[in-house]
Amino acid sequence: MPLFDYLPSDGVMIGLSATSKKQLIENIAEHAGALTELSARAVFDALMQRERLGSTAIGGGTAIPHAVFADLAHSVVIISILEKPVGFDSHDKKPVDIICTILGPDQAD
């Protein structure tokens, strides 16, 4: 199934404003909480825990933060386009302005 099959109609955030990685993930978590039955805090904590393992920035101004949740029935994708890029600890040292967040059930591939 293509990735965009998991993108809800209101899963795109354009012109998102954030001044840091933490603030960006907070904003995404709030939106994810509204799209799912997950709490925004649970999403934030899971995404930040994943970031502590290593940055999900893949270079070229793009990041793919992701996490799994036992309470999630199906995967959800959120695309965020930032107003201004923010630092995301990317290996190429470039800030990110395109973020594809993937939240999935804990038993999904």
N, C-alpha and C. Protein backbone atom coordinates (compact mmCIF):
# COMPACT_ATOMS: atom_id res chain seq x y z
N MET A 1 0.84 -1.17 0.00
CA MET A 1 0.00 0.00 0.00
C MET A 1 0.90 1.24 0.00
N PRO A 2 0.66 2.20 -0.88
CA PRO A 2 1.48 3.42 -0.94
C PRO A 2 1.37 4.23 0.36
N LEU A 3 2.46 4.90 0.70
CA LEU A 3 2.53 5.71 1.91
C LEU A 3 1.38 6.71 2.00
N PHE A 4 1.01 7.30 0.88
CA PHE A 4 -0.02 8.33 0.90
C PHE A 4 -1.41 7.78 1.17
N ASP A 5 -1.58 6.46 1.12
CA ASP A 5 -2.86 5.86 1.51
C ASP A 5 -3.10 6.03 3.01
N TYR A 6 -2.05 6.32 3.77
CA TYR A 6 -2.15 6.50 5.21
C TYR A 6 -2.24 7.98 5.61
N LEU A 7 -2.28 8.85 4.62
CA LEU A 7 -2.32 10.30 4.86
C LEU A 7 -3.78 10.76 4.93
N PRO A 8 -4.25 11.15 6.13
CA PRO A 8 -5.62 11.64 6.20
C PRO A 8 -5.76 12.97 5.46
N SER A 9 -6.97 13.32 5.08
CA SER A 9 -7.19 14.55 4.32
C SER A 9 -6.70 15.78 5.07
N ASP A 10 -6.74 15.76 6.39
CA ASP A 10 -6.24 16.88 7.18
C ASP A 10 -4.87 16.57 7.79
N GLY A 11 -4.13 15.69 7.13
CA GLY A 11 -2.82 15.29 7.62
C GLY A 11 -1.66 16.09 7.05
N VAL A 12 -1.96 17.20 6.36
CA VAL A 12 -0.91 18.05 5.80
C VAL A 12 -0.92 19.38 6.53
N MET A 13 0.23 19.78 7.02
CA MET A 13 0.37 21.05 7.74
C MET A 13 1.34 21.92 6.93
N ILE A 14 0.84 22.97 6.32
CA ILE A 14 1.66 23.85 5.49
C ILE A 14 1.86 25.18 6.20
N GLY A 15 3.08 25.67 6.17
CA GLY A 15 3.39 26.94 6.82
C GLY A 15 3.52 26.84 8.32
N LEU A 16 3.85 25.64 8.80
CA LEU A 16 4.02 25.41 10.23
C LEU A 16 5.19 26.23 10.75
N SER A 17 4.99 26.85 11.89
CA SER A 17 6.03 27.68 12.49
C SER A 17 6.61 26.98 13.72
N ALA A 18 7.92 26.88 13.77
CA ALA A 18 8.62 26.31 14.92
C ALA A 18 10.03 26.88 14.94
N THR A 19 10.57 27.04 16.14
CA THR A 19 11.93 27.59 16.27
C THR A 19 12.94 26.55 16.71
N SER A 20 12.47 25.33 17.01
CA SER A 20 13.38 24.27 17.45
C SER A 20 12.79 22.91 17.11
N LYS A 21 13.63 21.90 17.17
CA LYS A 21 13.19 20.53 16.95
C LYS A 21 12.11 20.14 17.96
N LYS A 22 12.32 20.49 19.22
CA LYS A 22 11.36 20.15 20.26
C LYS A 22 10.01 20.82 20.00
N GLN A 23 10.02 22.08 19.67
CA GLN A 23 8.77 22.78 19.39
C GLN A 23 8.07 22.20 18.16
N LEU A 24 8.84 21.84 17.16
CA LEU A 24 8.28 21.23 15.96
C LEU A 24 7.59 19.91 16.31
N ILE A 25 8.26 19.08 17.08
CA ILE A 25 7.67 17.79 17.46
C ILE A 25 6.45 18.00 18.35
N GLU A 26 6.46 19.01 19.21
CA GLU A 26 5.27 19.33 20.01
C GLU A 26 4.09 19.68 19.10
N ASN A 27 4.34 20.50 18.08
CA ASN A 27 3.27 20.89 17.15
C ASN A 27 2.73 19.68 16.38
N ILE A 28 3.61 18.83 15.93
CA ILE A 28 3.20 17.63 15.21
C ILE A 28 2.41 16.70 16.13
N ALA A 29 2.87 16.56 17.37
CA ALA A 29 2.19 15.69 18.34
C ALA A 29 0.78 16.20 18.63
N GLU A 30 0.61 17.50 18.75
CA GLU A 30 -0.73 18.07 18.97
C GLU A 30 -1.65 17.72 17.81
N HIS A 31 -1.15 17.88 16.61
CA HIS A 31 -1.95 17.57 15.42
C HIS A 31 -2.25 16.07 15.35
N ALA A 32 -1.26 15.25 15.65
CA ALA A 32 -1.45 13.80 15.65
C ALA A 32 -2.50 13.39 16.68
N GLY A 33 -2.49 14.03 17.83
CA GLY A 33 -3.49 13.73 18.85
C GLY A 33 -4.90 14.02 18.36
N ALA A 34 -5.05 15.09 17.57
CA ALA A 34 -6.35 15.44 17.03
C ALA A 34 -6.79 14.47 15.93
N LEU A 35 -5.84 13.85 15.23
CA LEU A 35 -6.15 12.93 14.14
C LEU A 35 -6.38 11.49 14.60
N THR A 36 -5.88 11.18 15.78
CA THR A 36 -5.94 9.80 16.29
C THR A 36 -6.57 9.82 17.67
N GLU A 37 -6.68 8.67 18.26
CA GLU A 37 -7.17 8.59 19.65
C GLU A 37 -6.01 8.59 20.64
N LEU A 38 -4.82 8.90 20.17
CA LEU A 38 -3.65 8.97 21.03
C LEU A 38 -3.57 10.33 21.71
N SER A 39 -2.97 10.36 22.89
CA SER A 39 -2.76 11.66 23.53
C SER A 39 -1.57 12.35 22.88
N ALA A 40 -1.65 13.65 22.78
CA ALA A 40 -0.55 14.42 22.21
C ALA A 40 0.74 14.17 23.00
N ARG A 41 0.62 14.03 24.31
CA ARG A 41 1.79 13.80 25.15
C ARG A 41 2.45 12.46 24.82
N ALA A 42 1.63 11.43 24.60
CA ALA A 42 2.18 10.11 24.27
C ALA A 42 2.91 10.16 22.94
N VAL A 43 2.35 10.88 21.97
CA VAL A 43 3.00 11.01 20.67
C VAL A 43 4.31 11.77 20.81
N PHE A 44 4.28 12.89 21.53
CA PHE A 44 5.48 13.68 21.75
C PHE A 44 6.57 12.83 22.41
N ASP A 45 6.22 12.14 23.49
CA ASP A 45 7.20 11.33 24.21
C ASP A 45 7.81 10.25 23.31
N ALA A 46 6.98 9.58 22.52
CA ALA A 46 7.47 8.51 21.65
C ALA A 46 8.39 9.05 20.56
N LEU A 47 8.00 10.18 19.96
CA LEU A 47 8.84 10.76 18.90
C LEU A 47 10.17 11.27 19.47
N MET A 48 10.12 11.89 20.64
CA MET A 48 11.36 12.37 21.25
C MET A 48 12.26 11.20 21.68
N GLN A 49 11.65 10.13 22.18
CA GLN A 49 12.45 8.96 22.56
C GLN A 49 13.16 8.41 21.33
N ARG A 50 12.48 8.37 20.20
CA ARG A 50 13.11 7.90 18.95
C ARG A 50 14.23 8.84 18.53
N GLU A 51 14.03 10.14 18.66
CA GLU A 51 15.06 11.11 18.28
C GLU A 51 16.30 10.97 19.15
N ARG A 52 16.13 10.57 20.41
CA ARG A 52 17.29 10.39 21.29
C ARG A 52 18.16 9.22 20.83
N LEU A 53 17.58 8.29 20.07
CA LEU A 53 18.37 7.18 19.52
C LEU A 53 19.24 7.63 18.36
N GLY A 54 18.84 8.71 17.72
CA GLY A 54 19.54 9.25 16.56
C GLY A 54 18.56 10.06 15.74
N SER A 55 19.04 11.11 15.15
CA SER A 55 18.16 11.98 14.38
C SER A 55 17.50 11.24 13.23
N THR A 56 16.23 11.54 13.00
CA THR A 56 15.51 10.97 11.87
C THR A 56 15.59 11.87 10.64
N ALA A 57 16.43 12.92 10.73
CA ALA A 57 16.67 13.75 9.55
C ALA A 57 17.50 12.93 8.57
N ILE A 58 17.09 12.93 7.31
CA ILE A 58 17.78 12.10 6.31
C ILE A 58 18.62 12.92 5.34
N GLY A 59 18.69 14.23 5.56
CA GLY A 59 19.47 15.11 4.70
C GLY A 59 18.59 15.83 3.70
N GLY A 60 19.15 16.83 3.10
CA GLY A 60 18.43 17.59 2.09
C GLY A 60 17.22 18.33 2.61
N GLY A 61 17.21 18.63 3.91
CA GLY A 61 16.09 19.39 4.48
C GLY A 61 14.88 18.56 4.83
N THR A 62 15.05 17.24 4.93
CA THR A 62 13.92 16.33 5.18
C THR A 62 14.17 15.48 6.42
N ALA A 63 13.09 15.24 7.18
CA ALA A 63 13.15 14.35 8.34
C ALA A 63 11.93 13.42 8.31
N ILE A 64 12.12 12.23 8.88
CA ILE A 64 11.04 11.24 8.94
C ILE A 64 10.92 10.71 10.37
N PRO A 65 10.41 11.55 11.29
CA PRO A 65 10.20 11.05 12.65
C PRO A 65 9.12 9.97 12.64
N HIS A 66 9.29 8.96 13.49
CA HIS A 66 8.35 7.85 13.49
C HIS A 66 8.32 7.17 14.85
N ALA A 67 7.18 6.52 15.12
CA ALA A 67 7.01 5.81 16.37
C ALA A 67 5.87 4.81 16.21
N VAL A 68 5.84 3.82 17.10
CA VAL A 68 4.76 2.83 17.09
C VAL A 68 3.99 2.91 18.41
N PHE A 69 2.72 2.50 18.32
CA PHE A 69 1.81 2.59 19.46
C PHE A 69 0.92 1.36 19.51
N ALA A 70 0.82 0.75 20.67
CA ALA A 70 -0.04 -0.42 20.84
C ALA A 70 -1.51 -0.08 20.62
N ASP A 71 -1.91 1.15 20.93
CA ASP A 71 -3.31 1.56 20.84
C ASP A 71 -3.72 2.07 19.47
N LEU A 72 -2.83 2.04 18.51
CA LEU A 72 -3.14 2.56 17.18
C LEU A 72 -3.59 1.40 16.28
N ALA A 73 -4.76 1.56 15.63
CA ALA A 73 -5.32 0.48 14.80
C ALA A 73 -4.69 0.43 13.42
N HIS A 74 -4.25 1.60 12.89
CA HIS A 74 -3.66 1.65 11.55
C HIS A 74 -2.65 2.78 11.49
N SER A 75 -1.78 2.73 10.52
CA SER A 75 -0.74 3.75 10.37
C SER A 75 -1.34 5.09 9.97
N VAL A 76 -0.69 6.16 10.40
CA VAL A 76 -1.09 7.52 10.07
C VAL A 76 0.17 8.28 9.65
N VAL A 77 0.06 9.03 8.56
CA VAL A 77 1.17 9.86 8.07
C VAL A 77 0.75 11.32 8.18
N ILE A 78 1.66 12.15 8.64
CA ILE A 78 1.45 13.60 8.70
C ILE A 78 2.60 14.26 7.96
N ILE A 79 2.29 15.07 6.97
CA ILE A 79 3.29 15.82 6.23
C ILE A 79 3.28 17.26 6.73
N SER A 80 4.45 17.76 7.11
CA SER A 80 4.57 19.13 7.60
C SER A 80 5.57 19.89 6.73
N ILE A 81 5.16 21.06 6.28
CA ILE A 81 6.03 21.95 5.52
C ILE A 81 6.22 23.20 6.38
N LEU A 82 7.45 23.47 6.76
CA LEU A 82 7.71 24.57 7.68
C LEU A 82 7.80 25.91 6.98
N GLU A 83 7.41 26.93 7.73
CA GLU A 83 7.55 28.31 7.25
C GLU A 83 9.03 28.65 7.09
N LYS A 84 9.83 28.26 8.09
CA LYS A 84 11.29 28.46 8.07
C LYS A 84 11.94 27.18 8.59
N PRO A 85 13.03 26.74 7.97
CA PRO A 85 13.70 25.51 8.42
C PRO A 85 14.20 25.61 9.86
N VAL A 86 14.26 24.45 10.53
CA VAL A 86 14.81 24.38 11.89
C VAL A 86 15.90 23.30 11.94
N GLY A 87 16.82 23.47 12.86
CA GLY A 87 17.86 22.47 13.06
C GLY A 87 17.25 21.16 13.55
N PHE A 88 17.76 20.05 13.02
CA PHE A 88 17.21 18.74 13.37
C PHE A 88 18.32 17.71 13.54
N ASP A 89 19.54 18.17 13.77
CA ASP A 89 20.70 17.29 13.97
C ASP A 89 20.94 16.37 12.78
N SER A 90 20.78 16.90 11.60
CA SER A 90 20.96 16.12 10.37
C SER A 90 22.44 15.84 10.11
N HIS A 91 22.71 14.70 9.51
CA HIS A 91 24.10 14.34 9.21
C HIS A 91 24.73 15.31 8.21
N ASP A 92 23.91 15.96 7.36
CA ASP A 92 24.47 16.93 6.41
C ASP A 92 24.47 18.35 6.97
N LYS A 93 24.08 18.46 8.25
CA LYS A 93 24.10 19.74 8.99
C LYS A 93 23.08 20.76 8.47
N LYS A 94 22.21 20.38 7.54
CA LYS A 94 21.22 21.30 7.00
C LYS A 94 19.95 21.23 7.84
N PRO A 95 19.31 22.39 8.07
CA PRO A 95 18.04 22.38 8.79
C PRO A 95 16.95 21.74 7.92
N VAL A 96 15.88 21.31 8.56
CA VAL A 96 14.79 20.66 7.83
C VAL A 96 13.61 21.61 7.65
N ASP A 97 12.90 21.42 6.56
CA ASP A 97 11.65 22.16 6.36
C ASP A 97 10.55 21.26 5.80
N ILE A 98 10.86 19.99 5.56
CA ILE A 98 9.86 19.01 5.14
C ILE A 98 9.95 17.83 6.11
N ILE A 99 8.84 17.54 6.76
CA ILE A 99 8.81 16.47 7.75
C ILE A 99 7.69 15.52 7.42
N CYS A 100 8.02 14.25 7.32
CA CYS A 100 7.02 13.20 7.09
C CYS A 100 6.99 12.34 8.36
N THR A 101 5.98 12.54 9.17
CA THR A 101 5.85 11.80 10.43
C THR A 101 5.02 10.56 10.20
N ILE A 102 5.51 9.43 10.66
CA ILE A 102 4.79 8.16 10.50
C ILE A 102 4.53 7.57 11.88
N LEU A 103 3.25 7.34 12.16
CA LEU A 103 2.84 6.69 13.41
C LEU A 103 2.20 5.36 13.02
N GLY A 104 2.63 4.28 13.64
CA GLY A 104 2.09 2.99 13.25
C GLY A 104 1.74 2.13 14.44
N PRO A 105 0.93 1.10 14.18
CA PRO A 105 0.63 0.13 15.24
C PRO A 105 1.89 -0.68 15.55
N ASP A 106 2.01 -1.15 16.76
CA ASP A 106 3.26 -1.83 17.14
C ASP A 106 3.48 -3.16 16.42
N GLN A 107 2.49 -3.73 15.78
CA GLN A 107 2.67 -4.99 15.06
C GLN A 107 2.76 -4.81 13.55
N ALA A 108 2.81 -3.56 13.08
CA ALA A 108 2.85 -3.30 11.63
C ALA A 108 4.28 -3.29 11.13
N ASP A 109 4.45 -3.53 9.84
CA ASP A 109 5.77 -3.43 9.20
C ASP A 109 6.09 -2.00 8.91
